[in-house]
Amino acid sequence: MVVQIGANNGKRDPFRAQIKRERWKVLFVEPEPVAFRELVDGWRDKPYFGNFTFENCAIADQGGEMDFYVPRRLSRISGLDHSCRKNKVEFDKGECDVIRVKTMTLPSLFKKHGITELDLLIVDTEGYDYKVLKAHDWVVKPKKIHYEHAHIDAGACREFLESKGYVVEEKDNNDSIARLV
């Protein structure tokens, strides 16, 4: 089982080829409504579409609703944590929309979908990754966690995951992989 937080529209998904080739069972999570529709539509005609579940919400450190920032030109960098500013989009000049989105924590998402074991958790939330992981209760411990460290305190996130029993390595300038030992 794979859970992908911040799946966007799936078109630029670095895991897409592997998902297709290995017929992964995936829960895709994407809060932005347009990207969510494109994500579902992009997989709908595949013969293994039945392996997928889709959730239209943001994963955060609290359940409820939160503001979500969507740049008009670069929707793939949308997020809860003012990602518009981090990516130099002119938020103050009206080039970014703010929408309200439903939020859930990882534990509530796992409970809703009956997830008790997880092979891979993918977190790409444009600066909210560490908050998502810190809010997890660790009842379900993913075997691997792939997360984006580029917009967070990478050292603090590494230490946190190591305290939970993971070995963390940087995959590249943007991403890290944590493996449960």
Protein backbone atom coordinates (compact mmCIF):
# COMPACT_ATOMS: atom_id res chain seq x y z
CA MET A 1 0.00 0.00 0.00
CA VAL A 2 1.22 3.49 -0.93
CA VAL A 3 -0.18 6.84 0.26
CA GLN A 4 0.76 9.90 -1.78
CA ILE A 5 0.14 13.22 -0.02
CA GLY A 6 0.20 16.18 -2.42
CA ALA A 7 -0.38 14.14 -5.56
CA ASN A 8 -1.25 17.23 -7.62
CA ASN A 9 -2.63 16.28 -11.07
CA GLY A 10 -0.33 13.27 -11.46
CA LYS A 11 1.15 14.43 -14.76
CA ARG A 12 4.62 15.20 -13.39
CA ASP A 13 4.59 12.45 -10.77
CA PRO A 14 8.08 10.96 -10.38
CA PHE A 15 6.43 7.70 -9.26
CA ARG A 16 3.98 7.43 -12.19
CA ALA A 17 5.98 4.89 -14.22
CA GLN A 18 6.53 2.69 -11.17
CA ILE A 19 2.86 2.91 -10.18
CA LYS A 20 1.90 1.72 -13.67
CA ARG A 21 4.58 -0.94 -14.00
CA GLU A 22 4.15 -2.48 -10.54
CA ARG A 23 0.37 -1.94 -10.28
CA TRP A 24 0.67 -0.32 -6.86
CA LYS A 25 -2.37 0.05 -4.63
CA VAL A 26 -2.37 3.82 -4.00
CA LEU A 27 -4.35 6.32 -1.97
CA PHE A 28 -3.83 9.66 -3.74
CA VAL A 29 -4.47 12.79 -1.65
CA GLU A 30 -4.79 16.22 -3.28
CA PRO A 31 -6.62 19.26 -1.86
CA GLU A 32 -6.67 21.60 -4.88
CA PRO A 33 -9.99 20.94 -6.69
CA VAL A 34 -8.82 21.41 -10.31
CA ALA A 35 -5.66 19.32 -9.81
CA PHE A 36 -7.75 16.67 -8.01
CA ARG A 37 -10.17 16.33 -10.95
CA GLU A 38 -7.24 16.11 -13.40
CA LEU A 39 -5.60 13.48 -11.17
CA VAL A 40 -8.67 11.25 -11.13
CA ASP A 41 -9.33 11.75 -14.85
CA GLY A 42 -5.68 11.02 -15.68
CA TRP A 43 -5.90 7.55 -14.16
CA ARG A 44 -9.55 6.73 -14.96
CA ASP A 45 -8.94 4.91 -18.27
CA LYS A 46 -6.22 2.62 -16.89
CA PRO A 47 -7.13 -1.06 -16.47
CA TYR A 48 -5.76 -0.98 -12.90
CA PHE A 49 -7.85 2.07 -11.85
CA GLY A 50 -9.48 -0.17 -9.24
CA ASN A 51 -6.18 -0.17 -7.32
CA PHE A 52 -6.61 3.52 -6.57
CA THR A 53 -8.49 5.52 -3.97
CA PHE A 54 -8.68 9.32 -4.09
CA GLU A 55 -9.14 11.82 -1.25
CA ASN A 56 -9.79 15.51 -1.96
CA CYS A 57 -8.32 17.16 1.15
CA ALA A 58 -5.08 18.51 2.59
CA ILE A 59 -3.13 16.57 5.18
CA ALA A 60 -2.15 18.92 7.98
CA ASP A 61 -1.33 19.06 11.65
CA GLN A 62 -5.03 19.57 12.43
CA GLY A 63 -8.38 18.48 11.04
CA GLY A 64 -11.01 20.94 9.84
CA GLU A 65 -10.42 23.62 7.21
CA MET A 66 -7.45 25.82 6.34
CA ASP A 67 -6.38 28.39 3.77
CA PHE A 68 -4.65 26.88 0.76
CA TYR A 69 -2.51 29.02 -1.55
CA VAL A 70 -2.73 28.38 -5.30
CA PRO A 71 -0.48 30.31 -7.71
CA ARG A 72 -2.25 30.99 -10.99
CA ARG A 73 0.77 30.16 -13.16
CA LEU A 74 2.39 27.33 -11.18
CA SER A 75 -0.38 25.34 -9.52
CA ARG A 76 2.01 22.46 -8.83
CA ILE A 77 3.57 24.57 -6.04
CA SER A 78 0.33 25.20 -4.19
CA GLY A 79 0.17 24.53 -0.48
CA LEU A 80 -0.84 25.38 3.06
CA ASP A 81 2.38 27.13 3.98
CA HIS A 82 2.45 30.27 1.82
CA SER A 83 4.33 28.35 -0.85
CA CYS A 84 3.46 31.17 -3.20
CA ARG A 85 5.91 33.44 -1.40
CA LYS A 86 8.59 30.76 -1.15
CA ASN A 87 8.49 30.26 -4.89
CA LYS A 88 8.56 33.97 -5.68
CA VAL A 89 5.02 34.15 -7.02
CA GLU A 90 3.62 37.64 -6.67
CA PHE A 91 1.06 36.79 -3.97
CA ASP A 92 0.55 40.43 -2.98
CA LYS A 93 -0.09 41.42 -6.60
CA GLY A 94 -2.98 38.99 -6.98
CA GLU A 95 -1.20 36.17 -8.80
CA CYS A 96 -2.16 33.66 -6.14
CA ASP A 97 -5.61 32.58 -5.03
CA VAL A 98 -6.48 31.57 -1.49
CA ILE A 99 -9.11 28.86 -1.14
CA ARG A 100 -10.46 27.02 1.90
CA VAL A 101 -9.82 23.28 1.88
CA LYS A 102 -10.82 20.39 4.09
CA THR A 103 -7.93 19.11 6.23
CA MET A 104 -7.23 15.81 7.97
CA THR A 105 -4.28 14.49 9.96
CA LEU A 106 -2.42 11.36 8.83
CA PRO A 107 -3.99 9.28 11.64
CA SER A 108 -7.50 10.34 10.65
CA LEU A 109 -6.76 9.61 6.97
CA PHE A 110 -5.41 6.15 7.81
CA LYS A 111 -8.39 5.41 10.04
CA LYS A 112 -10.90 6.54 7.40
CA HIS A 113 -9.34 4.28 4.77
CA GLY A 114 -8.61 1.32 7.07
CA ILE A 115 -4.84 1.56 6.62
CA THR A 116 -2.97 -0.46 9.23
CA GLU A 117 0.20 -1.21 7.24
CA LEU A 118 1.98 1.02 4.77
CA ASP A 119 4.86 0.24 2.41
CA LEU A 120 5.49 3.81 1.27
CA LEU A 121 4.33 7.24 2.38
CA ILE A 122 5.07 10.01 -0.13
CA VAL A 123 4.78 13.56 1.25
CA ASP A 124 5.14 16.53 -1.10
CA THR A 125 3.32 19.42 0.53
CA GLU A 126 5.52 22.37 -0.47
CA GLY A 127 6.83 23.29 2.96
CA TYR A 128 4.34 21.50 5.19
CA ASP A 129 6.01 18.06 5.13
CA TYR A 130 7.60 18.28 8.57
CA LYS A 131 4.35 19.49 10.19
CA VAL A 132 2.47 16.60 8.57
CA LEU A 133 4.98 14.09 9.92
CA LYS A 134 5.15 15.63 13.41
CA ALA A 135 1.36 15.44 13.73
CA HIS A 136 1.38 11.69 13.00
CA ASP A 137 0.74 9.39 15.98
CA TRP A 138 3.00 6.61 14.59
CA VAL A 139 0.49 3.84 15.25
CA VAL A 140 0.98 3.05 11.55
CA LYS A 141 4.71 3.17 10.75
CA PRO A 142 5.40 3.31 7.02
CA LYS A 143 8.30 1.10 5.89
CA LYS A 144 9.59 4.01 3.78
CA ILE A 145 8.83 7.73 3.74
CA HIS A 146 9.73 9.86 0.73
CA TYR A 147 9.46 13.56 1.56
CA GLU A 148 10.53 16.92 0.23
CA HIS A 149 13.16 18.54 2.46
CA ALA A 150 13.81 21.59 0.27
CA HIS A 151 11.28 23.92 1.97
CA ILE A 152 11.57 22.73 5.59
CA ASP A 153 14.11 22.51 8.42
CA ALA A 154 15.70 19.38 6.97
CA GLY A 155 17.93 18.74 9.98
CA ALA A 156 15.05 18.89 12.46
CA CYS A 157 12.93 16.61 10.27
CA ARG A 158 15.81 14.13 9.96
CA GLU A 159 16.31 14.07 13.74
CA PHE A 160 12.59 13.62 14.31
CA LEU A 161 12.37 10.66 11.91
CA GLU A 162 15.51 9.11 13.38
CA SER A 163 13.84 9.31 16.81
CA LYS A 164 10.95 7.29 15.35
CA GLY A 165 13.28 4.49 14.18
CA TYR A 166 14.15 5.59 10.64
CA VAL A 167 17.45 5.95 8.80
CA VAL A 168 17.28 9.04 6.60
CA GLU A 169 19.26 9.75 3.46
CA GLU A 170 19.07 12.63 1.02
CA LYS A 171 18.00 11.42 -2.39
CA ASP A 172 18.86 14.71 -4.12
CA ASN A 173 18.70 18.47 -3.47
CA ASN A 174 14.94 18.36 -2.89
CA ASP A 175 13.98 14.97 -1.50
CA SER A 176 14.90 12.55 1.27
CA ILE A 177 14.01 8.94 1.93
CA ALA A 178 13.52 7.54 5.42
CA ARG A 179 13.67 3.77 5.90
CA LEU A 180 12.32 2.02 8.99
CA VAL A 181 15.02 -0.07 10.67
